[in-house]
Amino acid sequence: QVHLEESGGGLVQAGGSLRLSCAASGRTFSNMGWFRQAPGKEREFVARLLYSGGSTTYAESVKGRFTISRDNAKNTVYLQMNSLKPEDTALYYCNRLNSVGVPIGSWGPGTQVTVSS
């Protein structure tokens, strides 16, 4: 069982940047994704990175502002978030994905991102 732990969240002003990290306890030869859940809302997809080929997919709401990447040597996946908006405020999670993008691992505690206006 691969254990994932998110970090890097915090409080930032609108227009600012944060970089989230998702550290895996072991090697993950998996597609990886970032998700978020705002208070009172369902968890939603943010970004996806395929292990084979490295192609990426983003939610329309973050396209052009967020970038997902991975460092296989460090067993870590990142989410660079630029031009943050108050509506990006949420608890952010990472997870492994199956071939059709469905999360397949256990959810970690997440990391809180709060964007002030």
Protein backbone atom coordinates (compact mmCIF):
# COMPACT_ATOMS: atom_id res chain seq x y z
CA GLN A 1 0.00 0.00 0.00
CA VAL A 2 1.45 3.34 -1.06
CA HIS A 3 0.98 6.11 1.47
CA LEU A 4 0.59 9.66 0.14
CA GLU A 5 1.06 12.84 2.15
CA GLU A 6 0.26 16.32 0.91
CA SER A 7 2.05 19.48 2.06
CA GLY A 8 2.75 23.06 1.01
CA GLY A 9 -0.60 24.67 1.63
CA GLY A 10 -1.05 27.98 3.39
CA LEU A 11 -2.61 31.41 3.38
CA VAL A 12 -1.85 33.60 0.38
CA GLN A 13 -3.26 36.78 -1.11
CA ALA A 14 -5.11 36.73 -4.40
CA GLY A 15 -2.62 36.75 -7.27
CA GLY A 16 -0.03 34.88 -5.25
CA SER A 17 1.52 31.44 -5.73
CA LEU A 18 1.95 28.22 -3.82
CA ARG A 19 3.56 24.88 -4.64
CA LEU A 20 1.95 21.80 -3.21
CA SER A 21 3.84 18.53 -2.78
CA CYS A 22 2.57 14.97 -2.64
CA ALA A 23 5.15 12.59 -1.22
CA ALA A 24 4.72 8.86 -1.72
CA SER A 25 6.04 6.27 0.71
CA GLY A 26 7.30 4.16 -2.17
CA ARG A 27 7.76 4.12 -5.89
CA THR A 28 4.53 4.96 -7.69
CA PHE A 29 4.42 3.83 -11.27
CA SER A 30 0.99 5.35 -11.47
CA ASN A 31 -0.97 8.10 -13.03
CA MET A 32 -1.34 10.81 -10.41
CA GLY A 33 -3.93 13.48 -9.79
CA TRP A 34 -4.73 16.46 -7.62
CA PHE A 35 -8.21 17.12 -6.30
CA ARG A 36 -9.74 19.73 -4.02
CA GLN A 37 -12.74 20.15 -1.79
CA ALA A 38 -14.11 23.51 -0.74
CA PRO A 39 -16.38 23.85 2.31
CA GLY A 40 -19.86 22.61 1.55
CA LYS A 41 -18.89 21.28 -1.87
CA GLU A 42 -18.03 17.94 -3.43
CA ARG A 43 -14.42 16.98 -4.03
CA GLU A 44 -13.46 17.95 -7.56
CA PHE A 45 -10.75 17.12 -10.06
CA VAL A 46 -7.95 19.67 -10.49
CA ALA A 47 -5.13 18.10 -12.52
CA ARG A 48 -3.87 14.76 -13.83
CA LEU A 49 -0.45 13.53 -14.94
CA LEU A 50 -0.05 10.28 -16.83
CA TYR A 51 2.94 8.16 -15.83
CA SER A 52 3.50 6.91 -19.38
CA GLY A 53 4.19 9.81 -21.69
CA GLY A 54 3.73 12.50 -19.08
CA SER A 55 0.68 14.14 -20.61
CA THR A 56 -1.35 16.43 -18.38
CA THR A 57 -5.00 17.40 -18.07
CA TYR A 58 -6.47 20.28 -16.08
CA ALA A 59 -9.85 21.43 -14.92
CA GLU A 60 -11.03 24.42 -16.92
CA SER A 61 -11.05 26.56 -13.77
CA VAL A 62 -7.28 26.16 -13.26
CA LYS A 63 -6.02 25.79 -16.82
CA GLY A 64 -3.18 28.19 -17.53
CA ARG A 65 -2.59 28.88 -13.84
CA PHE A 66 -1.74 25.48 -12.32
CA THR A 67 0.96 23.01 -13.40
CA ILE A 68 1.27 19.39 -12.29
CA SER A 69 4.66 17.70 -12.39
CA ARG A 70 6.56 14.85 -10.78
CA ASP A 71 10.05 14.01 -9.61
CA ASN A 72 10.38 10.23 -9.82
CA ALA A 73 13.70 10.25 -7.96
CA LYS A 74 11.95 11.84 -4.97
CA ASN A 75 8.66 9.92 -5.35
CA THR A 76 6.92 13.28 -5.29
CA VAL A 77 4.23 14.95 -7.36
CA TYR A 78 3.85 18.73 -7.34
CA LEU A 79 1.13 21.23 -8.08
CA GLN A 80 2.43 24.71 -8.89
CA MET A 81 -0.39 27.19 -8.41
CA ASN A 82 -0.03 30.71 -9.78
CA SER A 83 -2.44 33.64 -10.01
CA LEU A 84 -4.44 32.23 -7.15
CA LYS A 85 -8.04 33.35 -6.69
CA PRO A 86 -10.27 33.26 -3.60
CA GLU A 87 -12.32 30.52 -5.29
CA ASP A 88 -9.22 28.29 -5.21
CA THR A 89 -9.62 28.09 -1.43
CA ALA A 90 -10.02 24.41 -0.56
CA LEU A 91 -8.45 21.35 0.98
CA TYR A 92 -6.19 19.84 -1.68
CA TYR A 93 -5.55 16.12 -2.04
CA CYS A 94 -3.44 13.92 -4.27
CA ASN A 95 -4.16 10.35 -5.27
CA ARG A 96 -3.13 7.60 -7.65
CA LEU A 97 -5.39 7.16 -10.67
CA ASN A 98 -6.38 4.19 -12.77
CA SER A 99 -6.25 4.20 -16.55
CA VAL A 100 -9.48 6.18 -16.85
CA GLY A 101 -8.60 8.75 -14.20
CA VAL A 102 -10.52 7.35 -11.25
CA PRO A 103 -8.78 7.71 -7.86
CA ILE A 104 -7.72 4.30 -6.58
CA GLY A 105 -5.79 4.96 -3.38
CA SER A 106 -6.75 6.00 0.11
CA TRP A 107 -7.24 9.71 0.64
CA GLY A 108 -4.66 11.46 2.81
CA PRO A 109 -5.32 14.36 5.16
CA GLY A 110 -4.90 16.94 2.39
CA THR A 111 -3.30 20.36 2.66
CA GLN A 112 -5.32 23.55 3.17
CA VAL A 113 -5.03 26.40 0.70
CA THR A 114 -6.67 29.68 1.64
CA VAL A 115 -6.64 32.62 -0.76
CA SER A 116 -7.63 35.99 0.63
CA SER A 117 -9.10 38.74 -1.53
